[in-house]
């Protein structure tokens, strides 16, 4: 069964950050999704991973549960 993508290419997203182990905050910097991949997670189930380009030029790859739509 394929994973259900939550975002599309060129969507703006923010990353969730763990602060102190109990609460999550949303990072204030919004990035743009430039690529989507479907990978198997540790339980061998398909999951969506996104490559995000940040305003400072960096790129990073994140699972979709770490990302939220930018306001």
N, C-alpha and C. Protein backbone atom coordinates (compact mmCIF):
# COMPACT_ATOMS: atom_id res chain seq x y z
N UNK A 1 0.85 -1.17 0.00
CA UNK A 1 0.00 0.00 0.00
C UNK A 1 0.89 1.24 0.00
N UNK A 2 0.75 2.13 -0.96
CA UNK A 2 1.62 3.30 -1.03
C UNK A 2 1.30 4.32 0.07
N UNK A 3 2.29 5.12 0.40
CA UNK A 3 2.10 6.18 1.40
C UNK A 3 1.28 7.31 0.79
N UNK A 4 0.53 8.01 1.62
CA UNK A 4 -0.29 9.14 1.16
C UNK A 4 0.50 10.43 1.38
N UNK A 5 0.89 11.12 0.30
CA UNK A 5 1.66 12.35 0.48
C UNK A 5 0.80 13.47 1.05
N UNK A 6 1.37 14.23 1.95
CA UNK A 6 0.68 15.33 2.61
C UNK A 6 0.97 16.66 1.93
N UNK A 7 2.11 16.75 1.23
CA UNK A 7 2.54 18.00 0.61
C UNK A 7 2.84 17.77 -0.86
N UNK A 8 2.96 18.87 -1.62
CA UNK A 8 3.30 18.83 -3.03
C UNK A 8 4.58 19.64 -3.24
N UNK A 9 5.20 19.45 -4.42
CA UNK A 9 6.38 20.23 -4.78
C UNK A 9 6.00 21.72 -4.77
N UNK A 10 6.89 22.56 -4.29
CA UNK A 10 6.74 24.02 -4.17
C UNK A 10 5.85 24.46 -3.02
N UNK A 11 5.35 23.53 -2.19
CA UNK A 11 4.63 23.92 -0.97
C UNK A 11 5.62 24.52 0.02
N UNK A 12 5.16 25.50 0.79
CA UNK A 12 5.97 26.11 1.84
C UNK A 12 5.67 25.39 3.16
N UNK A 13 6.74 25.02 3.87
CA UNK A 13 6.59 24.26 5.11
C UNK A 13 7.50 24.80 6.20
N UNK A 14 7.14 24.53 7.44
CA UNK A 14 7.98 24.79 8.60
C UNK A 14 8.30 23.45 9.24
N UNK A 15 9.38 23.39 9.99
CA UNK A 15 9.81 22.16 10.64
C UNK A 15 9.44 22.21 12.12
N UNK A 16 8.95 21.10 12.64
CA UNK A 16 8.69 20.99 14.08
C UNK A 16 10.03 20.79 14.80
N UNK A 17 10.15 21.39 15.99
CA UNK A 17 11.36 21.23 16.81
C UNK A 17 10.97 20.73 18.18
N UNK A 18 11.73 19.77 18.69
CA UNK A 18 11.52 19.26 20.04
C UNK A 18 12.24 20.17 21.02
N UNK A 19 11.50 20.73 21.97
CA UNK A 19 12.13 21.62 22.96
C UNK A 19 11.98 21.02 24.35
N UNK A 20 13.00 20.40 24.82
CA UNK A 20 13.02 19.88 26.18
C UNK A 20 12.38 18.51 26.34
N UNK A 21 12.03 17.84 25.28
CA UNK A 21 11.51 16.50 25.39
C UNK A 21 10.02 16.38 25.59
N UNK A 22 9.35 17.45 26.00
CA UNK A 22 7.92 17.37 26.27
C UNK A 22 7.11 18.12 25.22
N UNK A 23 7.54 19.30 24.87
CA UNK A 23 6.74 20.12 23.95
C UNK A 23 7.41 20.25 22.59
N UNK A 24 6.60 20.50 21.58
CA UNK A 24 7.09 20.76 20.23
C UNK A 24 6.79 22.20 19.87
N UNK A 25 7.73 22.85 19.23
CA UNK A 25 7.48 24.18 18.71
C UNK A 25 7.66 24.14 17.20
N UNK A 26 7.14 25.14 16.53
CA UNK A 26 7.27 25.23 15.09
C UNK A 26 8.36 26.25 14.79
N UNK A 27 9.34 25.86 13.98
CA UNK A 27 10.42 26.77 13.60
C UNK A 27 9.85 27.92 12.80
N UNK A 28 10.40 29.11 12.97
CA UNK A 28 9.85 30.30 12.30
C UNK A 28 10.28 30.41 10.84
N UNK A 29 11.31 29.69 10.42
CA UNK A 29 11.80 29.78 9.06
C UNK A 29 11.03 28.83 8.16
N UNK A 30 10.47 29.36 7.07
CA UNK A 30 9.71 28.54 6.12
C UNK A 30 10.60 28.14 4.95
N UNK A 31 10.54 26.88 4.58
CA UNK A 31 11.29 26.37 3.43
C UNK A 31 10.33 25.92 2.34
N UNK A 32 10.89 25.56 1.19
CA UNK A 32 10.10 25.13 0.03
C UNK A 32 10.46 23.70 -0.31
N UNK A 33 9.45 22.87 -0.54
CA UNK A 33 9.67 21.48 -0.92
C UNK A 33 10.13 21.43 -2.37
N UNK A 34 11.28 20.77 -2.61
CA UNK A 34 11.79 20.67 -3.97
C UNK A 34 11.77 19.25 -4.52
N UNK A 35 11.59 18.25 -3.62
CA UNK A 35 11.59 16.86 -4.08
C UNK A 35 10.84 15.99 -3.08
N UNK A 36 10.17 14.95 -3.58
CA UNK A 36 9.49 13.99 -2.72
C UNK A 36 9.98 12.59 -3.07
N UNK A 37 10.24 11.79 -2.03
CA UNK A 37 10.66 10.40 -2.21
C UNK A 37 9.77 9.52 -1.35
N UNK A 38 9.58 8.31 -1.81
CA UNK A 38 8.90 7.32 -0.98
C UNK A 38 9.94 6.29 -0.56
N UNK A 39 10.13 6.14 0.74
CA UNK A 39 11.12 5.21 1.29
C UNK A 39 10.43 4.26 2.26
N UNK A 40 11.10 3.16 2.54
CA UNK A 40 10.61 2.24 3.56
C UNK A 40 11.14 2.70 4.91
N UNK A 41 10.25 2.76 5.91
CA UNK A 41 10.69 3.14 7.24
C UNK A 41 11.26 1.92 7.96
N UNK A 42 11.54 2.04 9.23
CA UNK A 42 12.17 0.94 9.97
C UNK A 42 11.27 -0.30 10.08
N UNK A 43 9.98 -0.10 9.92
CA UNK A 43 9.04 -1.24 9.95
C UNK A 43 8.72 -1.76 8.56
N UNK A 44 9.53 -1.33 7.58
CA UNK A 44 9.40 -1.75 6.18
C UNK A 44 8.07 -1.35 5.55
N UNK A 45 7.55 -0.21 5.98
CA UNK A 45 6.33 0.36 5.39
C UNK A 45 6.69 1.62 4.62
N UNK A 46 6.02 1.88 3.51
CA UNK A 46 6.36 3.08 2.73
C UNK A 46 5.98 4.36 3.47
N UNK A 47 6.87 5.33 3.42
CA UNK A 47 6.66 6.64 4.04
C UNK A 47 7.15 7.71 3.07
N UNK A 48 6.56 8.90 3.17
CA UNK A 48 6.95 10.01 2.31
C UNK A 48 8.03 10.84 2.97
N UNK A 49 9.09 11.11 2.23
CA UNK A 49 10.18 11.98 2.68
C UNK A 49 10.31 13.12 1.69
N UNK A 50 10.59 14.31 2.23
CA UNK A 50 10.66 15.51 1.39
C UNK A 50 12.02 16.17 1.54
N UNK A 51 12.54 16.66 0.42
CA UNK A 51 13.74 17.49 0.44
C UNK A 51 13.27 18.93 0.47
N UNK A 52 13.73 19.67 1.48
CA UNK A 52 13.29 21.06 1.69
C UNK A 52 14.48 21.98 1.45
N UNK A 53 14.25 23.04 0.67
CA UNK A 53 15.27 24.08 0.46
C UNK A 53 14.92 25.25 1.36
N UNK A 54 15.88 25.64 2.21
CA UNK A 54 15.69 26.71 3.17
C UNK A 54 16.17 28.03 2.58
N UNK A 55 15.72 29.18 3.11
CA UNK A 55 16.09 30.48 2.55
C UNK A 55 17.59 30.76 2.52
N UNK A 56 18.36 30.14 3.42
CA UNK A 56 19.81 30.38 3.44
C UNK A 56 20.57 29.51 2.45
N UNK A 57 19.83 28.71 1.63
CA UNK A 57 20.45 27.90 0.59
C UNK A 57 20.67 26.44 0.96
N UNK A 58 20.53 26.09 2.24
CA UNK A 58 20.70 24.70 2.65
C UNK A 58 19.54 23.85 2.15
N UNK A 59 19.75 22.55 2.02
CA UNK A 59 18.67 21.61 1.78
C UNK A 59 18.76 20.52 2.85
N UNK A 60 17.61 19.93 3.18
CA UNK A 60 17.58 18.84 4.14
C UNK A 60 16.40 17.94 3.82
N UNK A 61 16.49 16.69 4.25
CA UNK A 61 15.43 15.72 3.99
C UNK A 61 14.72 15.38 5.29
N UNK A 62 13.37 15.38 5.24
CA UNK A 62 12.58 15.14 6.44
C UNK A 62 11.39 14.26 6.11
N UNK A 63 10.98 13.44 7.09
CA UNK A 63 9.74 12.68 6.97
C UNK A 63 8.57 13.66 7.10
N UNK A 64 7.43 13.30 6.51
CA UNK A 64 6.33 14.26 6.48
C UNK A 64 5.75 14.56 7.86
N UNK A 65 5.93 13.69 8.84
CA UNK A 65 5.37 13.97 10.17
C UNK A 65 6.15 15.08 10.90
N UNK A 66 7.33 15.45 10.42
CA UNK A 66 8.13 16.51 11.02
C UNK A 66 7.76 17.89 10.44
N UNK A 67 7.08 17.91 9.28
CA UNK A 67 6.78 19.16 8.60
C UNK A 67 5.32 19.57 8.78
N UNK A 68 5.09 20.88 8.81
CA UNK A 68 3.74 21.44 8.88
C UNK A 68 3.64 22.53 7.82
N UNK A 69 2.45 22.78 7.28
CA UNK A 69 2.30 23.84 6.28
C UNK A 69 2.66 25.20 6.88
N UNK A 70 3.36 26.02 6.09
CA UNK A 70 3.71 27.37 6.55
C UNK A 70 2.48 28.26 6.48
N UNK A 71 2.34 29.16 7.45
CA UNK A 71 1.18 30.07 7.42
C UNK A 71 1.28 31.11 6.31
